[in-house]
C-alpha cells in the first residue's frame, strides 16, 4: 500500500520541479480544504475516502484511509464510509437506470 502512495509523492516531486507554482497552489488549496472548520479533519478524510472510492482512485483511497485513521477515525468508521460510498454508487446506477435508460428506451420506441 505504501509503495503506491510513495510513488504518488515521488511523482508530485517531479511535477514540483517542472511546475512549482501549480503544485504549490494545489497544496495550498487542498490544505485549506482539509483544515478544521464546520467539519473536523477526521470527517473530511472520511468524505474524501468515499469520493476516492466512488472515483475508483486507488492511490487516494489508500491515502485517505491512512489519513482518516491518523485523524482519529476507527476502522469501523472507515468501513462505514466505504459502505456509504457503495450506497451512493449503487444509487447513482439506480438513478441513471430510472431516468436516462428510461429516456433512451422511450427514444428508441418513438423511432420504431
Protein backbone atom coordinates (compact mmCIF):
# COMPACT_ATOMS: atom_id res chain seq x y z
CA UNK A 1 0.00 0.00 0.00
CA UNK A 2 2.69 2.48 0.95
CA UNK A 3 4.51 1.90 -2.34
CA UNK A 4 1.66 3.39 -4.37
CA UNK A 5 1.30 6.39 -2.09
CA UNK A 6 5.09 6.82 -2.15
CA UNK A 7 5.07 6.61 -5.96
CA UNK A 8 2.47 9.39 -5.99
CA UNK A 9 4.63 11.54 -3.72
CA UNK A 10 7.65 10.95 -5.96
CA UNK A 11 5.57 11.93 -8.98
CA UNK A 12 4.44 15.11 -7.24
CA UNK A 13 8.09 15.85 -6.54
CA UNK A 14 8.88 15.59 -10.25
CA UNK A 15 5.96 17.85 -11.07
CA UNK A 16 7.16 20.29 -8.42
CA UNK A 17 10.49 20.51 -10.26
CA UNK A 18 8.73 21.33 -13.53
CA UNK A 19 5.70 23.30 -12.32
CA UNK A 20 6.33 24.58 -8.81
CA UNK A 21 3.60 27.24 -8.91
CA UNK A 22 0.97 24.67 -9.89
CA UNK A 23 1.95 22.16 -7.21
CA UNK A 24 2.23 24.83 -4.53
CA UNK A 25 -1.18 26.25 -5.48
CA UNK A 26 -2.69 22.77 -5.38
CA UNK A 27 -1.19 22.10 -1.95
CA UNK A 28 -2.43 25.45 -0.60
CA UNK A 29 -5.93 24.73 -1.95
CA UNK A 30 -6.16 21.17 -0.62
CA UNK A 31 -4.57 22.20 2.66
CA UNK A 32 -7.23 24.87 3.13
CA UNK A 33 -9.98 22.40 2.23
CA UNK A 34 -8.81 19.87 4.83
CA UNK A 35 -8.38 22.35 7.70
CA UNK A 36 -10.73 22.02 10.64
CA UNK A 37 -13.84 24.07 10.14
CA UNK A 38 -17.52 23.27 10.48
CA UNK A 39 -16.35 19.73 9.75
CA UNK A 40 -13.38 18.26 11.56
CA UNK A 41 -10.31 16.81 9.87
CA UNK A 42 -11.48 13.25 10.56
CA UNK A 43 -14.86 13.82 8.91
CA UNK A 44 -13.22 15.47 5.92
CA UNK A 45 -10.90 12.49 5.47
CA UNK A 46 -13.86 10.10 5.61
CA UNK A 47 -15.67 12.17 2.98
CA UNK A 48 -12.54 12.16 0.81
CA UNK A 49 -12.31 8.40 1.21
CA UNK A 50 -15.88 7.97 -0.01
CA UNK A 51 -15.21 10.17 -3.03
CA UNK A 52 -11.96 8.33 -3.78
CA UNK A 53 -13.81 5.01 -3.73
CA UNK A 54 -16.59 6.34 -5.94
CA UNK A 55 -13.99 7.72 -8.36
CA UNK A 56 -12.12 4.36 -8.30
CA UNK A 57 -8.92 6.18 -7.34
CA UNK A 58 -6.70 3.57 -5.71
CA UNK A 59 -3.94 5.90 -4.51
CA UNK A 60 -6.38 8.38 -2.97
CA UNK A 61 -8.30 5.52 -1.35
CA UNK A 62 -5.15 4.27 0.35
CA UNK A 63 -4.03 7.76 1.30
CA UNK A 64 -7.36 8.81 2.80
CA UNK A 65 -7.68 5.56 4.79
CA UNK A 66 -4.29 6.34 6.33
CA UNK A 67 -5.21 9.97 6.94
CA UNK A 68 -8.62 9.15 8.42
CA UNK A 69 -7.00 6.74 10.87
CA UNK A 70 -4.33 9.29 11.75
CA UNK A 71 -7.05 11.87 12.45
CA UNK A 72 -8.76 9.52 14.91
CA UNK A 73 -11.19 7.53 12.77
CA UNK A 74 -11.75 3.97 13.89
CA UNK A 75 -11.56 1.07 11.44
CA UNK A 76 -15.34 0.75 11.80
CA UNK A 77 -15.81 4.41 10.81
CA UNK A 78 -13.59 3.85 7.78
CA UNK A 79 -15.67 0.82 6.79
CA UNK A 80 -18.90 2.77 7.28
CA UNK A 81 -17.57 5.48 4.97
CA UNK A 82 -16.85 2.76 2.40
CA UNK A 83 -20.39 1.43 2.83
CA UNK A 84 -21.85 4.89 2.26
CA UNK A 85 -19.76 5.21 -0.91
CA UNK A 86 -21.14 1.85 -2.05
CA UNK A 87 -24.68 3.04 -1.36
CA UNK A 88 -24.11 6.24 -3.32
CA UNK A 89 -22.52 4.28 -6.17
CA UNK A 90 -25.48 1.93 -6.26
CA UNK A 91 -27.85 4.86 -6.01
CA UNK A 92 -26.06 6.52 -8.90
CA UNK A 93 -26.60 3.48 -11.11
CA UNK A 94 -30.23 3.24 -9.99
CA UNK A 95 -30.96 6.91 -10.62
CA UNK A 96 -29.47 6.67 -14.10
CA UNK A 97 -31.38 3.45 -14.71
CA UNK A 98 -34.70 5.04 -13.91
CA UNK A 99 -34.02 8.28 -15.80
CA UNK A 100 -31.53 8.05 -18.67
CA UNK A 101 -32.23 4.43 -19.51
CA UNK A 102 -35.96 5.12 -19.49
CA UNK A 103 -35.40 8.16 -21.73
CA UNK A 104 -33.31 6.04 -24.11
CA UNK A 105 -35.98 3.34 -24.19
CA UNK A 106 -38.62 5.96 -24.92
CA UNK A 107 -36.50 7.48 -27.69
CA UNK A 108 -35.98 4.04 -29.25
CA UNK A 109 -39.72 3.31 -29.00
CA UNK A 110 -40.53 6.57 -30.79
CA UNK A 111 -38.09 5.74 -33.59
CA UNK A 112 -39.78 2.42 -34.31
